[in-house]
Protein backbone atom coordinates (compact mmCIF):
# COMPACT_ATOMS: atom_id res chain seq x y z
CA MET A 1 -5.88 11.21 -18.85
CA ASP A 2 -4.93 12.78 -22.16
CA GLU A 3 -1.34 14.00 -22.26
CA SER A 4 -1.08 14.31 -26.04
CA THR A 5 -4.09 16.45 -26.91
CA GLY A 6 -5.11 18.19 -23.68
CA ALA A 7 -8.69 17.02 -24.18
CA ALA A 8 -11.00 17.54 -21.24
CA GLY A 9 -10.94 14.75 -18.69
CA LYS A 10 -13.94 12.57 -18.05
CA THR A 11 -16.44 13.82 -15.48
CA ILE A 12 -18.89 12.07 -13.24
CA ALA A 13 -21.99 13.13 -11.43
CA ILE A 14 -22.57 11.15 -8.26
CA ALA A 15 -25.03 12.29 -5.63
CA VAL A 16 -23.46 12.06 -2.20
CA GLY A 17 -25.76 12.19 0.83
CA SER A 18 -24.36 13.61 4.05
CA VAL A 19 -25.69 10.49 5.75
CA ILE A 20 -22.57 8.65 4.50
CA VAL A 21 -20.58 10.14 7.37
CA ALA A 22 -23.17 9.32 10.00
CA LEU A 23 -23.31 5.67 8.98
CA LEU A 24 -19.57 5.17 8.62
CA ALA A 25 -18.10 1.94 9.96
CA LEU A 26 -14.67 2.16 8.37
CA VAL A 27 -11.81 -0.05 9.49
CA ALA A 28 -8.13 0.73 9.03
CA VAL A 29 -7.33 0.86 5.33
CA ILE A 30 -3.76 -0.35 5.02
CA SER A 31 -3.22 -2.28 8.22
CA GLY A 32 -6.60 -3.88 8.82
CA SER A 33 -8.94 -6.22 7.06
CA GLY A 34 -12.24 -5.87 8.82
CA VAL A 35 -11.91 -9.50 9.83
CA THR A 36 -14.00 -10.44 12.84
CA ASP A 37 -13.71 -14.22 12.81
CA CYS A 38 -10.35 -15.60 11.77
CA GLY A 39 -11.40 -19.18 12.29
CA THR A 40 -14.31 -19.12 9.88
CA GLY A 41 -12.99 -16.56 7.45
CA THR A 42 -16.15 -14.46 7.88
CA THR A 43 -15.36 -10.85 7.10
CA THR A 44 -17.05 -7.52 7.28
CA ASN A 45 -16.83 -5.11 4.38
CA PRO A 46 -13.31 -3.74 4.80
CA TYR A 47 -14.07 -0.14 3.91
CA GLY A 48 -17.51 0.45 5.38
CA MET A 49 -18.68 3.87 4.21
CA GLY A 50 -22.35 2.95 4.31
CA VAL A 51 -22.17 -0.11 2.10
CA ALA A 52 -25.62 -1.70 2.14
CA GLY A 53 -28.17 -3.28 -0.13
CA ALA A 54 -27.98 -5.46 -3.22
CA ASN A 55 -24.85 -5.57 -5.36
CA GLY A 56 -22.87 -3.58 -2.84
CA ALA A 57 -24.78 -0.38 -3.62
CA THR A 58 -23.93 2.47 -1.27
CA LEU A 59 -25.49 5.70 -0.17
CA ALA A 60 -22.71 7.44 -2.06
CA GLY A 61 -23.48 5.66 -5.30
CA LEU A 62 -20.15 3.84 -5.09
CA ASN A 63 -19.78 0.10 -4.58
CA ASP A 64 -17.30 -1.34 -2.12
CA LYS A 65 -14.61 -1.97 -4.77
CA GLN A 66 -14.74 1.69 -5.76
CA LEU A 67 -14.56 2.69 -2.12
CA ALA A 68 -11.60 0.36 -1.61
CA LEU A 69 -9.65 2.22 -4.30
CA ALA A 70 -10.70 5.62 -2.93
CA ALA A 71 -9.73 4.65 0.62
CA ASN A 72 -6.35 3.27 -0.42
CA GLY A 73 -5.59 6.51 -2.24
CA VAL A 74 -6.14 8.44 0.98
CA ALA A 75 -4.30 5.95 3.19
CA ILE A 76 -1.22 5.82 0.96
CA GLY A 77 -1.13 9.61 0.79
CA LYS A 78 -1.36 9.88 4.57
CA GLN A 79 1.35 7.33 5.14
CA ARG A 80 3.62 9.06 2.62
CA GLY A 81 3.15 12.29 4.55
CA GLU A 82 1.56 14.11 1.61
CA PRO A 83 -0.18 17.45 2.25
CA ASP A 84 -3.97 17.40 2.53
CA SER A 85 -4.33 19.29 -0.76
CA ALA A 86 -2.34 16.61 -2.61
CA ILE A 87 -4.44 13.82 -1.07
CA LEU A 88 -7.60 15.62 -2.13
CA ALA A 89 -6.12 16.11 -5.61
CA GLU A 90 -5.40 12.38 -5.90
CA SER A 91 -8.95 11.52 -4.92
CA MET A 92 -10.44 14.11 -7.31
CA ALA A 93 -8.25 12.83 -10.13
CA MET A 94 -9.21 9.19 -9.57
CA ALA A 95 -12.89 10.10 -9.33
CA THR A 96 -12.75 12.06 -12.58
CA GLU A 97 -10.52 9.73 -14.58
CA SER A 98 -12.17 6.40 -13.74
CA THR A 99 -14.93 6.86 -11.15
CA TYR A 100 -12.62 5.05 -8.69
CA ARG A 101 -12.33 2.01 -10.98
CA ASN A 102 -9.35 0.05 -12.27
CA LEU A 103 -10.09 0.24 -16.00
CA SER A 104 -8.72 -1.95 -18.76
CA ASN A 105 -8.62 -0.75 -22.37
CA ALA A 106 -9.65 -3.57 -24.70
CA THR A 107 -9.69 -1.34 -27.80
CA ASN A 108 -6.24 0.23 -27.59
CA VAL A 109 -4.39 -1.94 -25.03
CA PRO A 110 -5.91 -5.42 -25.53
CA GLU A 111 -3.39 -7.08 -23.18
CA SER A 112 -4.82 -5.03 -20.30
CA VAL A 113 -7.97 -7.16 -20.14
CA LYS A 114 -5.85 -10.08 -18.91
CA PHE A 115 -5.31 -8.21 -15.64
CA PRO A 116 -7.92 -7.76 -12.89
CA HIS A 117 -10.13 -4.80 -13.75
CA ASP A 118 -13.44 -3.20 -12.83
CA GLY A 119 -14.55 -2.05 -16.27
CA ASP A 120 -13.24 -1.01 -19.66
CA GLY A 121 -12.21 2.37 -21.01
CA SER A 122 -11.09 3.57 -24.44
CA ASP A 123 -9.24 6.86 -23.93
CA HIS A 124 -6.12 6.64 -26.09
CA ASP A 125 -3.85 4.00 -24.47
CA SER A 126 -4.87 4.92 -20.92
CA VAL A 127 -5.44 2.24 -18.28
CA GLY A 128 -6.08 1.95 -14.55
CA PRO A 129 -7.71 4.21 -11.96
CA HIS A 130 -5.65 7.26 -12.96
CA GLN A 131 -5.85 6.46 -16.69
CA VAL A 132 -2.07 6.45 -17.08
CA ARG A 133 -0.83 6.33 -20.67
CA VAL A 134 0.89 2.99 -21.41
CA SER A 135 3.14 4.59 -24.03
CA MET A 136 4.39 7.25 -21.63
CA HIS A 137 4.80 5.67 -18.20
CA GLY A 138 6.04 2.62 -16.36
CA GLY A 139 8.04 1.44 -19.35
CA GLY A 140 4.77 0.11 -20.75
CA ASP A 141 4.81 -2.63 -18.09
CA LEU A 142 1.17 -3.57 -17.55
CA THR A 143 2.07 -5.45 -14.39
CA LYS A 144 2.70 -2.01 -12.92
CA LEU A 145 0.21 0.01 -14.90
CA MET A 146 -2.76 -2.23 -14.07
CA ASP A 147 -1.83 -2.21 -10.37
CA PRO A 148 -3.89 0.48 -8.60
CA VAL A 149 -1.33 0.84 -5.81
CA TRP A 150 1.42 1.56 -8.35
CA GLN A 151 -0.80 4.19 -9.99
CA ILE A 152 -1.63 5.85 -6.67
CA ASN A 153 2.07 6.14 -5.87
CA TRP A 154 2.71 7.34 -9.44
CA PHE A 155 0.28 10.21 -8.85
CA TYR A 156 1.99 11.30 -5.63
CA ASP A 157 5.49 10.87 -7.09
CA THR A 158 4.52 13.02 -10.06
CA ALA A 159 2.82 15.62 -7.87
CA ARG A 160 6.04 16.09 -5.90
CA LYS A 161 7.76 17.21 -9.09
CA VAL A 162 5.30 20.09 -9.57
CA PRO A 163 6.77 23.35 -8.20
CA GLY A 164 4.80 24.53 -5.19
CA TYR A 165 2.62 21.39 -5.13
CA GLN A 166 2.34 21.53 -1.33
CA THR A 167 0.15 24.66 -1.47
CA MET A 168 -1.42 24.33 -4.91
CA ASP A 169 -5.21 24.13 -5.26
CA ALA A 170 -6.25 20.49 -5.48
CA ALA A 171 -7.98 20.82 -8.86
CA ALA A 172 -4.97 22.62 -10.33
CA LEU A 173 -2.59 19.99 -8.96
CA ALA A 174 -4.71 17.18 -10.38
CA GLN A 175 -4.59 18.90 -13.77
CA ALA A 176 -0.82 19.41 -13.52
CA VAL A 177 -0.29 15.71 -12.86
CA GLU A 178 -2.86 14.24 -15.25
CA LYS A 179 -2.47 16.91 -17.97
CA SER A 180 -6.09 16.84 -19.08
CA GLY A 181 -8.17 19.84 -20.06
CA PRO A 182 -8.54 22.93 -17.84
CA ASN A 183 -11.09 22.61 -15.02
CA ALA A 184 -11.46 18.90 -15.73
CA TYR A 185 -11.36 17.93 -12.05
CA ALA A 186 -13.39 20.57 -10.22
CA SER A 187 -16.66 18.68 -10.74
CA THR A 188 -15.60 15.87 -8.39
CA ARG A 189 -14.34 18.07 -5.56
CA SER A 190 -17.44 17.58 -3.40
CA LEU A 191 -17.35 13.79 -3.75
CA ALA A 192 -13.62 13.61 -3.07
CA GLU A 193 -13.90 15.90 -0.04
CA LYS A 194 -16.50 13.60 1.49
CA VAL A 195 -14.44 10.49 0.76
CA VAL A 196 -11.30 12.01 2.31
CA ALA A 197 -13.18 13.36 5.33
CA THR A 198 -14.78 9.98 5.90
CA VAL A 199 -11.61 7.93 5.67
CA THR A 200 -9.15 10.21 7.45
CA PRO A 201 -10.38 9.92 11.08
CA ARG A 202 -9.60 6.21 11.14
CA LEU A 203 -6.04 6.39 9.84
CA GLY A 204 -4.33 7.53 13.04
CA GLU A 205 -3.45 4.05 14.19
CA LEU A 206 -1.42 3.51 11.02
CA ALA A 207 1.22 6.03 12.09
CA THR A 208 2.76 3.83 14.80
CA ALA A 209 3.11 0.09 14.45
CA GLY A 210 1.14 0.06 11.24
CA SER A 211 -1.76 -2.00 12.55
CA SER A 212 -4.39 -2.45 15.21
CA THR A 213 -5.24 -5.56 17.14
CA SER A 214 -8.33 -4.22 18.84
CA SER A 215 -11.72 -5.70 18.12
CA ASP A 216 -13.03 -2.55 16.47
CA GLY A 217 -11.28 -3.23 13.18
CA GLY A 218 -7.75 -3.51 11.91
CA GLY A 219 -5.64 -6.61 11.40
CA GLN A 220 -6.49 -8.98 14.18
CA ALA A 221 -3.49 -11.10 15.03
CA CYS A 222 -4.76 -14.20 13.24
CA GLN A 223 -1.76 -16.51 13.28
CA THR A 224 -1.10 -18.98 10.50
CA PRO A 225 -1.77 -22.60 11.43
CA GLY A 226 1.27 -23.90 13.28
CA GLY A 227 2.79 -20.41 13.35
CA GLY A 228 6.50 -19.80 13.22
CA ASN A 229 9.26 -20.48 15.74
CA THR A 230 8.91 -17.83 18.41
CA GLY A 231 12.01 -18.78 20.42
CA PRO A 232 14.50 -16.20 21.69
CA LEU A 233 16.51 -14.12 19.22
CA ASP A 234 20.24 -13.66 19.69
CA GLY A 235 23.30 -12.14 18.11
CA SER A 236 23.66 -8.68 16.58
CA PHE A 237 20.64 -6.54 15.77
CA GLY A 238 20.89 -7.44 12.08
CA GLN A 239 21.09 -11.13 12.91
CA ARG A 240 17.99 -10.84 15.07
CA VAL A 241 16.10 -9.10 12.26
CA ILE A 242 16.89 -12.05 9.98
CA GLN A 243 16.00 -14.63 12.62
CA ALA A 244 12.64 -12.98 13.27
CA ALA A 245 11.71 -12.90 9.59
CA MET A 246 12.96 -16.45 9.04
CA ARG A 247 10.29 -17.68 11.47
CA TRP A 248 7.77 -17.14 8.69
CA ILE A 249 9.51 -18.59 5.63
CA GLY A 250 6.78 -20.12 3.45
CA THR A 251 4.03 -17.91 4.86
CA PRO A 252 1.70 -16.58 2.12
CA TYR A 253 1.98 -13.04 0.84
CA ALA A 254 -1.14 -11.07 1.80
CA TRP A 255 -1.59 -7.44 0.76
CA GLY A 256 -1.90 -5.34 3.93
CA GLY A 257 -1.01 -8.35 6.09
CA GLY A 258 1.32 -8.50 9.05
CA ASP A 259 1.83 -6.49 12.20
CA LYS A 260 4.33 -6.33 15.06
CA ASN A 261 3.00 -9.63 16.46
CA GLY A 262 3.04 -11.72 13.28
CA PRO A 263 0.95 -12.45 10.16
CA THR A 264 -2.60 -11.13 9.88
CA LYS A 265 -5.46 -11.36 7.41
CA GLY A 266 -4.83 -9.41 4.20
CA ILE A 267 -7.09 -6.69 2.84
CA THR A 268 -8.65 -5.81 -0.49
CA ASP A 269 -6.77 -3.52 -2.88
CA GLY A 270 -9.32 -3.34 -5.69
CA GLY A 271 -6.92 -4.96 -8.14
CA THR A 272 -4.09 -7.49 -8.32
CA ALA A 273 -4.15 -8.59 -4.68
CA ASP A 274 -7.90 -9.20 -4.88
CA SER A 275 -7.41 -11.47 -7.88
CA PHE A 276 -5.16 -13.66 -5.72
CA GLY A 277 -7.63 -13.63 -2.83
CA ASP A 278 -5.19 -11.86 -0.48
CA TYR A 279 -8.09 -10.58 1.62
CA ASN A 280 -8.80 -14.20 2.61
CA LYS A 281 -5.18 -15.12 3.35
CA VAL A 282 -3.23 -14.84 6.58
CA GLY A 283 0.26 -13.61 5.91
CA PHE A 284 2.54 -10.63 5.33
CA ASP A 285 3.05 -8.03 2.68
CA CYS A 286 6.58 -6.69 2.22
CA SER A 287 6.43 -3.89 4.79
CA GLY A 288 4.38 -6.00 7.19
CA LEU A 289 7.25 -8.48 7.35
CA THR A 290 9.93 -5.82 7.90
CA LEU A 291 7.98 -3.95 10.58
CA TYR A 292 7.47 -7.28 12.38
CA ALA A 293 11.15 -8.27 12.16
CA VAL A 294 12.47 -4.90 13.35
CA TYR A 295 9.96 -4.72 16.21
CA GLN A 296 10.89 -8.19 17.40
CA ALA A 297 14.64 -7.63 16.99
CA SER A 298 14.44 -4.42 19.02
CA GLY A 299 12.45 -5.97 21.85
CA GLY A 300 9.55 -3.68 21.01
CA LYS A 301 11.60 -0.46 20.96
CA ILE A 302 11.19 0.25 17.22
CA ALA A 303 7.67 0.20 15.79
CA LEU A 304 7.76 1.10 12.09
CA GLY A 305 4.83 2.20 9.96
CA HIS A 306 3.11 -0.13 7.52
CA TYR A 307 4.18 1.66 4.34
CA THR A 308 7.58 1.44 2.65
CA GLY A 309 8.01 5.20 2.28
CA ASN A 310 7.09 5.75 5.91
CA GLN A 311 9.70 3.19 7.01
CA ALA A 312 12.42 4.50 4.71
CA SER A 313 12.01 8.05 6.07
CA ASP A 314 11.90 6.96 9.72
CA PRO A 315 14.69 8.92 11.47
CA ARG A 316 15.76 5.81 13.40
CA GLY A 317 16.98 4.27 10.15
CA GLN A 318 20.59 5.07 9.26
CA VAL A 319 21.16 5.75 5.55
CA ILE A 320 23.76 3.28 4.29
CA PRO A 321 25.44 3.21 0.84
CA LEU A 322 24.34 0.18 -1.13
CA ASP A 323 27.88 -1.19 -1.37
CA GLN A 324 28.14 -1.11 2.45
CA LYS A 325 24.99 -3.09 3.18
CA GLN A 326 25.13 -5.75 5.88
CA PRO A 327 22.85 -8.69 6.73
CA GLY A 328 19.76 -7.43 8.52
CA ASP A 329 19.69 -4.05 6.72
CA LEU A 330 16.43 -3.15 4.99
CA ILE A 331 16.54 -2.39 1.26
CA TYR A 332 13.81 -0.23 -0.32
CA PHE A 333 13.14 -0.36 -4.06
CA GLY A 334 11.76 2.35 -6.34
CA SER A 335 12.39 5.77 -7.81
CA SER A 336 13.25 7.11 -4.34
CA ALA A 337 13.39 5.78 -0.79
CA GLU A 338 10.28 7.72 0.24
CA GLY A 339 8.43 6.68 -2.91
CA SER A 340 9.53 3.04 -2.77
CA HIS A 341 7.12 0.25 -3.70
CA HIS A 342 8.89 -2.73 -2.11
CA VAL A 343 11.15 -3.57 0.82
CA GLY A 344 13.10 -6.63 1.88
CA ILE A 345 15.82 -7.67 4.33
CA TYR A 346 19.37 -8.11 3.06
CA TYR A 347 20.20 -11.71 3.92
CA GLY A 348 23.85 -11.87 2.86
CA LYS A 349 25.48 -13.97 0.15
CA GLN A 350 24.71 -17.50 -1.01
CA ASN A 351 27.05 -19.03 -3.59
CA GLY A 352 28.47 -15.59 -4.24
CA GLN A 353 25.05 -14.01 -4.86
CA ASP A 354 23.48 -11.23 -2.77
CA MET A 355 20.17 -12.49 -1.38
CA LEU A 356 17.00 -10.78 -0.16
CA LEU A 357 14.64 -12.16 2.50
CA ASN A 358 11.21 -10.74 1.70
CA ALA A 359 7.49 -11.14 1.16
CA PRO A 360 7.66 -10.65 -2.62
CA GLU A 361 4.19 -10.33 -4.14
CA SER A 362 0.70 -11.82 -4.34
CA GLY A 363 0.71 -15.52 -5.11
CA LYS A 364 4.13 -16.09 -3.54
CA THR A 365 5.42 -16.74 -0.03
CA VAL A 366 8.01 -15.28 2.34
CA SER A 367 11.25 -16.39 0.67
CA ILE A 368 14.96 -15.76 0.19
CA MET A 369 15.62 -14.63 -3.39
CA PRO A 370 18.56 -13.27 -5.41
CA LEU A 371 18.81 -9.50 -5.06
CA SER A 372 19.58 -9.43 -8.78
CA GLY A 373 15.86 -9.92 -9.37
CA TRP A 374 15.52 -6.19 -8.69
CA ASN A 375 18.31 -5.05 -11.00
CA GLY A 376 17.37 -1.82 -12.69
CA GLU A 377 15.44 -0.59 -9.65
CA GLY A 378 16.68 2.13 -7.32
CA MET A 379 17.92 0.49 -4.09
CA TYR A 380 18.06 2.39 -0.80
CA VAL A 381 19.51 0.86 2.36
CA ARG A 382 18.40 1.65 5.92
CA ARG A 383 20.02 0.21 9.05
CA PHE A 384 17.99 0.16 12.26
CA GLY A 385 19.07 -0.68 15.80
CA ALA A 386 21.65 2.02 16.56
CA GLY A 387 22.17 2.25 20.31
CA ILE A 388 20.31 -0.97 21.03
CA ASP A 389 22.30 -3.58 22.93
CA THR A 390 23.52 -6.37 20.71
CA ALA A 391 22.71 -8.88 23.44
CA ALA A 392 19.46 -10.77 23.08
CA PRO A 393 16.58 -8.40 23.95
CA ALA A 394 13.66 -9.16 26.19
CA PRO A 395 10.74 -10.64 24.25
CA ALA A 396 8.80 -7.95 22.41
CA PRO A 397 5.52 -7.07 24.11
CA THR A 398 2.32 -8.23 22.45
CA ASN A 399 -1.21 -6.92 22.53
CA GLN A 400 -3.48 -9.23 24.47
């Protein structure tokens, strides 16, 4: 991406055979891991799309790490409720800017090579799959800028600021967001259309509880050794939310992990989470923990999606001013509630400090932390459970 000179964006030429669709064996992108044997840790390729042969070569000319990034771009867009044209634009932009790779920039941003990456670029001070300029975005924070998930959400957040983005041609929208040269993105339309068409049919299960426990893919309910206390919950709805989440204190963070029944195997993200081996861990990510806690507290009546923006916009969540938050409320962090990148459960005060119960990030565990750790972020409170009896609910149903 070149925002200062308007130079033409990078282009790629990748032959895509129609056979990619026929051979698809894609599992759920955000909620599943492709895990088939939790005991041994044996996994299938989590994104399918015809991956076969040496070095992960595919019929599309993309390896499985590239496909992981492409698939996450589509899944995040779907779960944010973005229009199809915007999702196609995101995929076209990522294909053009980086060939679906998380690029460092050793020449102009030498610190970027210390983060997980799939190759090296040299376009100004651009990094990551969308080649975001370090000097212009994210406050220059490479922890964000080298995180592909942050960049995917950045694209959609920026697209929403473009007048008429919902109906704009995908190539034009990609150009409006990335600000590269005219017609820089049209060359990857065919590739992006095939990627989106291939991924989309398997995302339906993400719209409800955020995961699948069937044997055909999607986060099998692989419980952590010893599990958590699964005794009855009692008290107010907020208290039950906290009790449910507290069952899993100390459980590892796993990107994409967690469903309504408990922790599950994480998935690959093509970046930071992969560097921590999240795809081989059984645990929760931030929204996996909150969807679990709310489902359990409601006795199975409230099944949230497995994406922070999806949860924050759920009509069953009451919007609460930050200064009126109560224990058990969910707090979403980011530039907006719908575009949030993290969520946790307000725990209450300890020693006069507001505390957050959450699955924080890769390399950490489900913990209670000072809310002040998110100072400077937008904070948006949602309260679930309206109309649900405050008496202890019946145990939440589980998938057998």
